[in-house]
Amino acid sequence: MTDPEYMDQAEALLRRVESGCDRINDESDADIDSQRVGGMVTLTFRNGTQIIVNLQKPLHEVWLAAKAGGFHYKFDGARWLDTKGQGEFFENLARYASEQAGQPLKFG
């Protein structure tokens, strides 16, 4: 994957995270504060916990930090998959965000 291809896919992922937060806030009382600075999106939940999604340009990865731990994802041409075989980015984001929000949430 070239640097421009990575950036296209990574930017699309960040936009999808942001739009997912907007939709969740419109459809529920989860009240997730989403803030973006450059290649990083910080999700802050009502209880003060956070999930941070940031781009790792030199590695062509996306990193996710949550209460559950830190995770690295690479694009396989169709999806962002955990580099240790622990699943797909948006499925995992939904699981970790649901745990931190105390209610079921879906990104996508």
PDB file of N, CA and C in Angstrom:
ATOM      1  N   MET A   1       0.853  -1.173   0.000  1.00  0.00           N
ATOM      2  CA  MET A   1       0.000   0.000   0.000  1.00  0.00           C
ATOM      3  C   MET A   1       0.901   1.239   0.000  1.00  0.00           C
ATOM      4  N   THR A   2       0.572   2.167  -0.852  1.00  0.00           N
ATOM      5  CA  THR A   2       1.336   3.408  -0.920  1.00  0.00           C
ATOM      6  C   THR A   2       0.896   4.350   0.208  1.00  0.00           C
ATOM      7  N   ASP A   3       1.699   5.363   0.478  1.00  0.00           N
ATOM      8  CA  ASP A   3       1.326   6.345   1.492  1.00  0.00           C
ATOM      9  C   ASP A   3      -0.005   7.026   1.163  1.00  0.00           C
ATOM     10  N   PRO A   4      -0.220   7.481  -0.089  1.00  0.00           N
ATOM     11  CA  PRO A   4      -1.525   8.105  -0.390  1.00  0.00           C
ATOM     12  C   PRO A   4      -2.705   7.133  -0.232  1.00  0.00           C
ATOM     13  N   GLU A   5      -2.524   5.875  -0.591  1.00  0.00           N
ATOM     14  CA  GLU A   5      -3.598   4.882  -0.417  1.00  0.00           C
ATOM     15  C   GLU A   5      -3.903   4.704   1.069  1.00  0.00           C
ATOM     16  N   TYR A   6      -2.846   4.603   1.872  1.00  0.00           N
ATOM     17  CA  TYR A   6      -3.038   4.481   3.320  1.00  0.00           C
ATOM     18  C   TYR A   6      -3.820   5.684   3.853  1.00  0.00           C
ATOM     19  N   MET A   7      -3.401   6.878   3.473  1.00  0.00           N
ATOM     20  CA  MET A   7      -4.061   8.077   3.985  1.00  0.00           C
ATOM     21  C   MET A   7      -5.523   8.133   3.569  1.00  0.00           C
ATOM     22  N   ASP A   8      -5.837   7.726   2.349  1.00  0.00           N
ATOM     23  CA  ASP A   8      -7.235   7.701   1.903  1.00  0.00           C
ATOM     24  C   ASP A   8      -8.060   6.769   2.792  1.00  0.00           C
ATOM     25  N   GLN A   9      -7.558   5.566   3.019  1.00  0.00           N
ATOM     26  CA  GLN A   9      -8.284   4.584   3.825  1.00  0.00           C
ATOM     27  C   GLN A   9      -8.352   5.004   5.294  1.00  0.00           C
ATOM     28  N   ALA A  10      -7.251   5.531   5.818  1.00  0.00           N
ATOM     29  CA  ALA A  10      -7.206   5.932   7.223  1.00  0.00           C
ATOM     30  C   ALA A  10      -8.120   7.126   7.483  1.00  0.00           C
ATOM     31  N   GLU A  11      -8.127   8.096   6.577  1.00  0.00           N
ATOM     32  CA  GLU A  11      -9.016   9.250   6.734  1.00  0.00           C
ATOM     33  C   GLU A  11     -10.478   8.820   6.666  1.00  0.00           C
ATOM     34  N   ALA A  12     -10.783   7.869   5.794  1.00  0.00           N
ATOM     35  CA  ALA A  12     -12.152   7.347   5.705  1.00  0.00           C
ATOM     36  C   ALA A  12     -12.548   6.690   7.032  1.00  0.00           C
ATOM     37  N   LEU A  13     -11.621   5.968   7.656  1.00  0.00           N
ATOM     38  CA  LEU A  13     -11.891   5.337   8.952  1.00  0.00           C
ATOM     39  C   LEU A  13     -12.187   6.402  10.000  1.00  0.00           C
ATOM     40  N   LEU A  14     -11.367   7.448  10.081  1.00  0.00           N
ATOM     41  CA  LEU A  14     -11.596   8.493  11.080  1.00  0.00           C
ATOM     42  C   LEU A  14     -12.926   9.195  10.857  1.00  0.00           C
ATOM     43  N   ARG A  15     -13.261   9.473   9.606  1.00  0.00           N
ATOM     44  CA  ARG A  15     -14.562  10.099   9.308  1.00  0.00           C
ATOM     45  C   ARG A  15     -15.706   9.177   9.742  1.00  0.00           C
ATOM     46  N   ARG A  16     -15.541   7.886   9.543  1.00  0.00           N
ATOM     47  CA  ARG A  16     -16.582   6.928   9.926  1.00  0.00           C
ATOM     48  C   ARG A  16     -16.732   6.859  11.452  1.00  0.00           C
ATOM     49  N   VAL A  17     -15.630   6.967  12.174  1.00  0.00           N
ATOM     50  CA  VAL A  17     -15.699   7.015  13.640  1.00  0.00           C
ATOM     51  C   VAL A  17     -16.474   8.260  14.067  1.00  0.00           C
ATOM     52  N   GLU A  18     -16.130   9.410  13.483  1.00  0.00           N
ATOM     53  CA  GLU A  18     -16.803  10.656  13.840  1.00  0.00           C
ATOM     54  C   GLU A  18     -18.290  10.623  13.498  1.00  0.00           C
ATOM     55  N   SER A  19     -18.625  10.147  12.315  1.00  0.00           N
ATOM     56  CA  SER A  19     -20.044  10.092  11.929  1.00  0.00           C
ATOM     57  C   SER A  19     -20.792   9.067  12.780  1.00  0.00           C
ATOM     58  N   GLY A  20     -20.117   7.989  13.174  1.00  0.00           N
ATOM     59  CA  GLY A  20     -20.733   7.009  14.073  1.00  0.00           C
ATOM     60  C   GLY A  20     -21.089   7.633  15.414  1.00  0.00           C
ATOM     61  N   CYS A  21     -20.201   8.466  15.946  1.00  0.00           N
ATOM     62  CA  CYS A  21     -20.484   9.161  17.202  1.00  0.00           C
ATOM     63  C   CYS A  21     -21.675  10.094  17.048  1.00  0.00           C
ATOM     64  N   ASP A  22     -21.708  10.835  15.945  1.00  0.00           N
ATOM     65  CA  ASP A  22     -22.830  11.744  15.709  1.00  0.00           C
ATOM     66  C   ASP A  22     -24.146  10.973  15.658  1.00  0.00           C
ATOM     67  N   ARG A  23     -24.155   9.853  14.943  1.00  0.00           N
ATOM     68  CA  ARG A  23     -25.378   9.048  14.827  1.00  0.00           C
ATOM     69  C   ARG A  23     -25.782   8.486  16.184  1.00  0.00           C
ATOM     70  N   ILE A  24     -24.811   7.958  16.937  1.00  0.00           N
ATOM     71  CA  ILE A  24     -25.104   7.406  18.267  1.00  0.00           C
ATOM     72  C   ILE A  24     -25.691   8.482  19.168  1.00  0.00           C
ATOM     73  N   ASN A  25     -25.119   9.679  19.126  1.00  0.00           N
ATOM     74  CA  ASN A  25     -25.631  10.772  19.963  1.00  0.00           C
ATOM     75  C   ASN A  25     -27.034  11.187  19.542  1.00  0.00           C
ATOM     76  N   ASP A  26     -27.345  11.116  18.251  1.00  0.00           N
ATOM     77  CA  ASP A  26     -28.685  11.450  17.769  1.00  0.00           C
ATOM     78  C   ASP A  26     -29.711  10.402  18.164  1.00  0.00           C
ATOM     79  N   GLU A  27     -29.283   9.134  18.241  1.00  0.00           N
ATOM     80  CA  GLU A  27     -30.220   8.022  18.444  1.00  0.00           C
ATOM     81  C   GLU A  27     -30.277   7.506  19.879  1.00  0.00           C
ATOM     82  N   SER A  28     -29.393   7.985  20.746  1.00  0.00           N
ATOM     83  CA  SER A  28     -29.373   7.458  22.117  1.00  0.00           C
ATOM     84  C   SER A  28     -28.979   8.568  23.088  1.00  0.00           C
ATOM     85  N   ASP A  29     -28.898   8.206  24.358  1.00  0.00           N
ATOM     86  CA  ASP A  29     -28.452   9.162  25.369  1.00  0.00           C
ATOM     87  C   ASP A  29     -27.004   8.900  25.774  1.00  0.00           C
ATOM     88  N   ALA A  30     -26.224   8.254  24.893  1.00  0.00           N
ATOM     89  CA  ALA A  30     -24.838   7.903  25.213  1.00  0.00           C
ATOM     90  C   ALA A  30     -23.967   9.129  25.461  1.00  0.00           C
ATOM     91  N   ASP A  31     -24.219  10.223  24.757  1.00  0.00           N
ATOM     92  CA  ASP A  31     -23.497  11.480  24.942  1.00  0.00           C
ATOM     93  C   ASP A  31     -21.975  11.295  24.845  1.00  0.00           C
ATOM     94  N   ILE A  32     -21.520  10.847  23.680  1.00  0.00           N
ATOM     95  CA  ILE A  32     -20.090  10.681  23.424  1.00  0.00           C
ATOM     96  C   ILE A  32     -19.552  11.986  22.841  1.00  0.00           C
ATOM     97  N   ASP A  33     -18.540  12.537  23.492  1.00  0.00           N
ATOM     98  CA  ASP A  33     -17.875  13.728  22.968  1.00  0.00           C
ATOM     99  C   ASP A  33     -16.753  13.264  22.056  1.00  0.00           C
ATOM    100  N   SER A  34     -16.810  13.654  20.806  1.00  0.00           N
ATOM    101  CA  SER A  34     -15.812  13.262  19.806  1.00  0.00           C
ATOM    102  C   SER A  34     -15.024  14.497  19.401  1.00  0.00           C
ATOM    103  N   GLN A  35     -13.707  14.434  19.594  1.00  0.00           N
ATOM    104  CA  GLN A  35     -12.851  15.547  19.203  1.00  0.00           C
ATOM    105  C   GLN A  35     -11.728  15.041  18.325  1.00  0.00           C
ATOM    106  N   ARG A  36     -11.507  15.752  17.221  1.00  0.00           N
ATOM    107  CA  ARG A  36     -10.443  15.368  16.299  1.00  0.00           C
ATOM    108  C   ARG A  36      -9.375  16.446  16.246  1.00  0.00           C
ATOM    109  N   VAL A  37      -8.141  16.000  16.334  1.00  0.00           N
ATOM    110  CA  VAL A  37      -6.982  16.866  16.157  1.00  0.00           C
ATOM    111  C   VAL A  37      -6.043  16.130  15.214  1.00  0.00           C
ATOM    112  N   GLY A  38      -5.919  16.621  13.994  1.00  0.00           N
ATOM    113  CA  GLY A  38      -5.058  15.971  13.001  1.00  0.00           C
ATOM    114  C   GLY A  38      -5.490  14.540  12.750  1.00  0.00           C
ATOM    115  N   GLY A  39      -4.583  13.616  12.943  1.00  0.00           N
ATOM    116  CA  GLY A  39      -4.850  12.200  12.708  1.00  0.00           C
ATOM    117  C   GLY A  39      -5.276  11.451  13.952  1.00  0.00           C
ATOM    118  N   MET A  40      -5.901  12.147  14.907  1.00  0.00           N
ATOM    119  CA  MET A  40      -6.325  11.499  16.145  1.00  0.00           C
ATOM    120  C   MET A  40      -7.746  11.921  16.501  1.00  0.00           C
ATOM    121  N   VAL A  41      -8.556  10.934  16.873  1.00  0.00           N
ATOM    122  CA  VAL A  41      -9.913  11.189  17.360  1.00  0.00           C
ATOM    123  C   VAL A  41      -9.991  10.676  18.785  1.00  0.00           C
ATOM    124  N   THR A  42     -10.462  11.537  19.689  1.00  0.00           N
ATOM    125  CA  THR A  42     -10.647  11.159  21.088  1.00  0.00           C
ATOM    126  C   THR A  42     -12.138  11.116  21.379  1.00  0.00           C
ATOM    127  N   LEU A  43     -12.591   9.962  21.859  1.00  0.00           N
ATOM    128  CA  LEU A  43     -13.979   9.785  22.277  1.00  0.00           C
ATOM    129  C   LEU A  43     -14.005   9.831  23.802  1.00  0.00           C
ATOM    130  N   THR A  44     -14.784  10.734  24.354  1.00  0.00           N
ATOM    131  CA  THR A  44     -14.894  10.841  25.807  1.00  0.00           C
ATOM    132  C   THR A  44     -16.321  10.498  26.197  1.00  0.00           C
ATOM    133  N   PHE A  45     -16.432   9.575  27.147  1.00  0.00           N
ATOM    134  CA  PHE A  45     -17.734   9.082  27.582  1.00  0.00           C
ATOM    135  C   PHE A  45     -18.188   9.819  28.836  1.00  0.00           C
ATOM    136  N   ARG A  46     -19.453   9.706  29.130  1.00  0.00           N
ATOM    137  CA  ARG A  46     -20.069  10.410  30.254  1.00  0.00           C
ATOM    138  C   ARG A  46     -19.331  10.139  31.570  1.00  0.00           C
ATOM    139  N   ASN A  47     -18.787   8.939  31.731  1.00  0.00           N
ATOM    140  CA  ASN A  47     -18.090   8.575  32.963  1.00  0.00           C
ATOM    141  C   ASN A  47     -16.628   9.052  32.981  1.00  0.00           C
ATOM    142  N   GLY A  48     -16.224   9.801  31.959  1.00  0.00           N
ATOM    143  CA  GLY A  48     -14.878  10.358  31.916  1.00  0.00           C
ATOM    144  C   GLY A  48     -13.843   9.480  31.235  1.00  0.00           C
ATOM    145  N   THR A  49     -14.193   8.237  30.917  1.00  0.00           N
ATOM    146  CA  THR A  49     -13.236   7.365  30.228  1.00  0.00           C
ATOM    147  C   THR A  49     -13.129   7.781  28.770  1.00  0.00           C
ATOM    148  N   GLN A  50     -12.042   7.372  28.144  1.00  0.00           N
ATOM    149  CA  GLN A  50     -11.797   7.764  26.760  1.00  0.00           C
ATOM    150  C   GLN A  50     -11.375   6.571  25.912  1.00  0.00           C
ATOM    151  N   ILE A  51     -11.623   6.701  24.632  1.00  0.00           N
ATOM    152  CA  ILE A  51     -11.043   5.844  23.604  1.00  0.00           C
ATOM    153  C   ILE A  51     -10.332   6.779  22.645  1.00  0.00           C
ATOM    154  N   ILE A  52      -9.103   6.435  22.304  1.00  0.00           N
ATOM    155  CA  ILE A  52      -8.325   7.257  21.385  1.00  0.00           C
ATOM    156  C   ILE A  52      -7.990   6.430  20.149  1.00  0.00           C
ATOM    157  N   VAL A  53      -8.275   6.986  18.995  1.00  0.00           N
ATOM    158  CA  VAL A  53      -7.956   6.369  17.711  1.00  0.00           C
ATOM    159  C   VAL A  53      -6.964   7.293  17.020  1.00  0.00           C
ATOM    160  N   ASN A  54      -5.794   6.762  16.675  1.00  0.00           N
ATOM    161  CA  ASN A  54      -4.842   7.629  15.989  1.00  0.00           C
ATOM    162  C   ASN A  54      -4.109   6.897  14.883  1.00  0.00           C
ATOM    163  N   LEU A  55      -3.690   7.676  13.906  1.00  0.00           N
ATOM    164  CA  LEU A  55      -2.997   7.139  12.745  1.00  0.00           C
ATOM    165  C   LEU A  55      -1.520   6.988  13.041  1.00  0.00           C
ATOM    166  N   GLN A  56      -0.959   5.889  12.592  1.00  0.00           N
ATOM    167  CA  GLN A  56       0.479   5.643  12.671  1.00  0.00           C
ATOM    168  C   GLN A  56       0.988   5.561  11.240  1.00  0.00           C
ATOM    169  N   LYS A  57       1.222   6.732  10.655  1.00  0.00           N
ATOM    170  CA  LYS A  57       1.549   6.833   9.231  1.00  0.00           C
ATOM    171  C   LYS A  57       2.772   6.019   8.824  1.00  0.00           C
ATOM    172  N   PRO A  58       3.886   6.059   9.569  1.00  0.00           N
ATOM    173  CA  PRO A  58       5.066   5.317   9.114  1.00  0.00           C
ATOM    174  C   PRO A  58       4.820   3.802   9.018  1.00  0.00           C
ATOM    175  N   LEU A  59       3.925   3.290   9.869  1.00  0.00           N
ATOM    176  CA  LEU A  59       3.633   1.850   9.896  1.00  0.00           C
ATOM    177  C   LEU A  59       2.416   1.472   9.054  1.00  0.00           C
ATOM    178  N   HIS A  60       1.715   2.477   8.534  1.00  0.00           N
ATOM    179  CA  HIS A  60       0.452   2.254   7.815  1.00  0.00           C
ATOM    180  C   HIS A  60      -0.546   1.509   8.697  1.00  0.00           C
ATOM    181  N   GLU A  61      -0.627   1.922   9.955  1.00  0.00           N
ATOM    182  CA  GLU A  61      -1.534   1.313  10.914  1.00  0.00           C
ATOM    183  C   GLU A  61      -2.448   2.373  11.521  1.00  0.00           C
ATOM    184  N   VAL A  62      -3.507   1.886  12.157  1.00  0.00           N
ATOM    185  CA  VAL A  62      -4.371   2.692  13.001  1.00  0.00           C
ATOM    186  C   VAL A  62      -4.307   2.064  14.383  1.00  0.00           C
ATOM    187  N   TRP A  63      -4.095   2.892  15.373  1.00  0.00           N
ATOM    188  CA  TRP A  63      -4.030   2.396  16.744  1.00  0.00           C
ATOM    189  C   TRP A  63      -5.269   2.830  17.499  1.00  0.00           C
ATOM    190  N   LEU A  64      -5.744   1.934  18.377  1.00  0.00           N
ATOM    191  CA  LEU A  64      -6.908   2.204  19.206  1.00  0.00           C
ATOM    192  C   LEU A  64      -6.505   1.944  20.651  1.00  0.00           C
ATOM    193  N   ALA A  65      -6.728   2.918  21.520  1.00  0.00           N
ATOM    194  CA  ALA A  65      -6.464   2.762  22.948  1.00  0.00           C
ATOM    195  C   ALA A  65      -7.779   2.900  23.694  1.00  0.00           C
ATOM    196  N   ALA A  66      -8.090   1.888  24.511  1.00  0.00           N
ATOM    197  CA  ALA A  66      -9.322   1.867  25.294  1.00  0.00           C
ATOM    198  C   ALA A  66      -8.985   1.311  26.682  1.00  0.00           C
ATOM    199  N   LYS A  67      -9.974   1.292  27.569  1.00  0.00           N
ATOM    200  CA  LYS A  67      -9.737   0.691  28.885  1.00  0.00           C
ATOM    201  C   LYS A  67      -9.289  -0.760  28.740  1.00  0.00           C
ATOM    202  N   ALA A  68      -9.742  -1.421  27.683  1.00  0.00           N
ATOM    203  CA  ALA A  68      -9.413  -2.834  27.457  1.00  0.00           C
ATOM    204  C   ALA A  68      -7.967  -3.039  27.014  1.00  0.00           C
ATOM    205  N   GLY A  69      -7.282  -1.956  26.584  1.00  0.00           N
ATOM    206  CA  GLY A  69      -5.894  -2.075  26.155  1.00  0.00           C
ATOM    207  C   GLY A  69      -5.625  -1.285  24.890  1.00  0.00           C
ATOM    208  N   GLY A  70      -4.456  -1.543  24.321  1.00  0.00           N
ATOM    209  CA  GLY A  70      -4.046  -0.891  23.088  1.00  0.00           C
ATOM    210  C   GLY A  70      -4.007  -1.896  21.950  1.00  0.00           C
ATOM    211  N   PHE A  71      -4.480  -1.482  20.770  1.00  0.00           N
ATOM    212  CA  PHE A  71      -4.626  -2.397  19.647  1.00  0.00           C
ATOM    213  C   PHE A  71      -4.144  -1.733  18.363  1.00  0.00           C
ATOM    214  N   HIS A  72      -3.537  -2.526  17.497  1.00  0.00           N
ATOM    215  CA  HIS A  72      -3.014  -2.040  16.218  1.00  0.00           C
ATOM    216  C   HIS A  72      -3.785  -2.706  15.091  1.00  0.00           C
ATOM    217  N   TYR A  73      -4.123  -1.923  14.057  1.00  0.00           N
ATOM    218  CA  TYR A  73      -4.902  -2.423  12.925  1.00  0.00           C
ATOM    219  C   TYR A  73      -4.216  -2.063  11.615  1.00  0.00           C
ATOM    220  N   LYS A  74      -4.248  -3.011  10.674  1.00  0.00           N
ATOM    221  CA  LYS A  74      -3.736  -2.794   9.315  1.00  0.00           C
ATOM    222  C   LYS A  74      -4.858  -3.052   8.326  1.00  0.00           C
ATOM    223  N   PHE A  75      -4.853  -2.321   7.234  1.00  0.00           N
ATOM    224  CA  PHE A  75      -5.876  -2.472   6.202  1.00  0.00           C
ATOM    225  C   PHE A  75      -5.503  -3.644   5.299  1.00  0.00           C
ATOM    226  N   ASP A  76      -6.446  -4.570   5.097  1.00  0.00           N
ATOM    227  CA  ASP A  76      -6.166  -5.765   4.284  1.00  0.00           C
ATOM    228  C   ASP A  76      -6.704  -5.641   2.853  1.00  0.00           C
ATOM    229  N   GLY A  77      -7.125  -4.437   2.485  1.00  0.00           N
ATOM    230  CA  GLY A  77      -7.716  -4.225   1.170  1.00  0.00           C
ATOM    231  C   GLY A  77      -9.222  -4.092   1.233  1.00  0.00           C
ATOM    232  N   ALA A  78      -9.815  -4.541   2.346  1.00  0.00           N
ATOM    233  CA  ALA A  78     -11.259  -4.447   2.528  1.00  0.00           C
ATOM    234  C   ALA A  78     -11.628  -3.954   3.931  1.00  0.00           C
ATOM    235  N   ARG A  79     -10.855  -4.392   4.928  1.00  0.00           N
ATOM    236  CA  ARG A  79     -11.176  -4.068   6.333  1.00  0.00           C
ATOM    237  C   ARG A  79      -9.897  -3.778   7.110  1.00  0.00           C
ATOM    238  N   TRP A  80     -10.071  -3.086   8.231  1.00  0.00           N
ATOM    239  CA  TRP A  80      -8.965  -2.856   9.162  1.00  0.00           C
ATOM    240  C   TRP A  80      -8.981  -3.982  10.183  1.00  0.00           C
ATOM    241  N   LEU A  81      -7.919  -4.818  10.158  1.00  0.00           N
ATOM    242  CA  LEU A  81      -7.858  -5.989  11.028  1.00  0.00           C
ATOM    243  C   LEU A  81      -6.759  -5.844  12.068  1.00  0.00           C
ATOM    244  N   ASP A  82      -7.039  -6.344  13.277  1.00  0.00           N
ATOM    245  CA  ASP A  82      -6.071  -6.339  14.367  1.00  0.00           C
ATOM    246  C   ASP A  82      -4.830  -7.129  13.949  1.00  0.00           C
ATOM    247  N   THR A  83      -3.658  -6.573  14.209  1.00  0.00           N
ATOM    248  CA  THR A  83      -2.415  -7.223  13.778  1.00  0.00           C
ATOM    249  C   THR A  83      -2.120  -8.494  14.553  1.00  0.00           C
ATOM    250  N   LYS A  84      -2.836  -8.730  15.651  1.00  0.00           N
ATOM    251  CA  LYS A  84      -2.646  -9.959  16.429  1.00  0.00           C
ATOM    252  C   LYS A  84      -3.829 -10.912  16.271  1.00  0.00           C
ATOM    253  N   GLY A  85      -4.631 -10.679  15.229  1.00  0.00           N
ATOM    254  CA  GLY A  85      -5.732 -11.584  14.934  1.00  0.00           C
ATOM    255  C   GLY A  85      -6.932 -11.464  15.848  1.00  0.00           C
ATOM    256  N   GLN A  86      -7.106 -10.295  16.463  1.00  0.00           N
ATOM    257  CA  GLN A  86      -8.192 -10.124  17.428  1.00  0.00           C
ATOM    258  C   GLN A  86      -9.420  -9.419  16.859  1.00  0.00           C
ATOM    259  N   GLY A  87      -9.625  -9.489  15.546  1.00  0.00           N
ATOM    260  CA  GLY A  87     -10.866  -8.979  14.975  1.00  0.00           C
ATOM    261  C   GLY A  87     -10.731  -7.714  14.166  1.00  0.00           C
ATOM    262  N   GLU A  88     -11.893  -7.213  13.753  1.00  0.00           N
ATOM    263  CA  GLU A  88     -12.020  -6.064  12.866  1.00  0.00           C
ATOM    264  C   GLU A  88     -12.209  -4.790  13.691  1.00  0.00           C
ATOM    265  N   PHE A  89     -11.685  -3.682  13.178  1.00  0.00           N
ATOM    266  CA  PHE A  89     -11.662  -2.419  13.917  1.00  0.00           C
ATOM    267  C   PHE A  89     -13.042  -1.999  14.419  1.00  0.00           C
ATOM    268  N   PHE A  90     -14.044  -1.890  13.533  1.00  0.00           N
ATOM    269  CA  PHE A  90     -15.330  -1.337  13.945  1.00  0.00           C
ATOM    270  C   PHE A  90     -16.099  -2.266  14.878  1.00  0.00           C
ATOM    271  N   GLU A  91     -15.925  -3.577  14.723  1.00  0.00           N
ATOM    272  CA  GLU A  91     -16.527  -4.512  15.676  1.00  0.00           C
ATOM    273  C   GLU A  91     -15.910  -4.314  17.057  1.00  0.00           C
ATOM    274  N   ASN A  92     -14.586  -4.182  17.093  1.00  0.00           N
ATOM    275  CA  ASN A  92     -13.906  -3.989  18.369  1.00  0.00           C
ATOM    276  C   ASN A  92     -14.224  -2.626  18.975  1.00  0.00           C
ATOM    277  N   LEU A  93     -14.249  -1.590  18.140  1.00  0.00           N
ATOM    278  CA  LEU A  93     -14.603  -0.268  18.643  1.00  0.00           C
ATOM    279  C   LEU A  93     -15.983  -0.293  19.289  1.00  0.00           C
ATOM    280  N   ALA A  94     -16.937  -0.943  18.647  1.00  0.00           N
ATOM    281  CA  ALA A  94     -18.292  -1.041  19.207  1.00  0.00           C
ATOM    282  C   ALA A  94     -18.267  -1.761  20.551  1.00  0.00           C
ATOM    283  N   ARG A  95     -17.507  -2.841  20.651  1.00  0.00           N
ATOM    284  CA  ARG A  95     -17.434  -3.598  21.908  1.00  0.00           C
ATOM    285  C   ARG A  95     -16.821  -2.745  23.018  1.00  0.00           C
ATOM    286  N   TYR A  96     -15.676  -2.106  22.745  1.00  0.00           N
ATOM    287  CA  TYR A  96     -15.005  -1.322  23.779  1.00  0.00           C
ATOM    288  C   TYR A  96     -15.815  -0.081  24.151  1.00  0.00           C
ATOM    289  N   ALA A  97     -16.412   0.578  23.165  1.00  0.00           N
ATOM    290  CA  ALA A  97     -17.238   1.755  23.436  1.00  0.00           C
ATOM    291  C   ALA A  97     -18.477   1.365  24.241  1.00  0.00           C
ATOM    292  N   SER A  98     -19.071   0.228  23.932  1.00  0.00           N
ATOM    293  CA  SER A  98     -20.238  -0.247  24.684  1.00  0.00           C
ATOM    294  C   SER A  98     -19.871  -0.493  26.137  1.00  0.00           C
ATOM    295  N   GLU A  99     -18.709  -1.119  26.351  1.00  0.00           N
ATOM    296  CA  GLU A  99     -18.250  -1.374  27.722  1.00  0.00           C
ATOM    297  C   GLU A  99     -18.061  -0.058  28.476  1.00  0.00           C
ATOM    298  N   GLN A 100     -17.449   0.913  27.826  1.00  0.00           N
ATOM    299  CA  GLN A 100     -17.154   2.165  28.504  1.00  0.00           C
ATOM    300  C   GLN A 100     -18.386   3.052  28.660  1.00  0.00           C
ATOM    301  N   ALA A 101     -19.336   2.947  27.741  1.00  0.00           N
ATOM    302  CA  ALA A 101     -20.560   3.747  27.825  1.00  0.00           C
ATOM    303  C   ALA A 101     -21.610   3.098  28.725  1.00  0.00           C
ATOM    304  N   GLY A 102     -21.462   1.804  28.969  1.00  0.00           N
ATOM    305  CA  GLY A 102     -22.445   1.100  29.794  1.00  0.00           C
ATOM    306  C   GLY A 102     -23.738   0.813  29.070  1.00  0.00           C
ATOM    307  N   GLN A 103     -23.689   0.819  27.748  1.00  0.00           N
ATOM    308  CA  GLN A 103     -24.862   0.498  26.925  1.00  0.00           C
ATOM    309  C   GLN A 103     -24.396   0.037  25.544  1.00  0.00           C
ATOM    310  N   PRO A 104     -25.210  -0.758  24.865  1.00  0.00           N
ATOM    311  CA  PRO A 104     -24.791  -1.251  23.543  1.00  0.00           C
ATOM    312  C   PRO A 104     -24.713  -0.125  22.521  1.00  0.00           C
ATOM    313  N   LEU A 105     -23.610  -0.065  21.821  1.00  0.00           N
ATOM    314  CA  LEU A 105     -23.389   0.933  20.778  1.00  0.00           C
ATOM    315  C   LEU A 105     -22.904   0.245  19.514  1.00  0.00           C
ATOM    316  N   LYS A 106     -23.279   0.791  18.375  1.00  0.00           N
ATOM    317  CA  LYS A 106     -22.842   0.238  17.093  1.00  0.00           C
ATOM    318  C   LYS A 106     -22.236   1.337  16.252  1.00  0.00           C
ATOM    319  N   PHE A 107     -21.055   1.056  15.711  1.00  0.00           N
ATOM    320  CA  PHE A 107     -20.411   1.959  14.757  1.00  0.00           C
ATOM    321  C   PHE A 107     -20.516   1.298  13.401  1.00  0.00           C
ATOM    322  N   GLY A 108     -20.657   2.097  12.350  1.00  0.00           N
ATOM    323  CA  GLY A 108     -20.707   1.472  11.035  1.00  0.00           C
ATOM    324  C   GLY A 108     -21.673   2.122  10.113  1.00  0.00           C
TER     325      GLY A 108
END
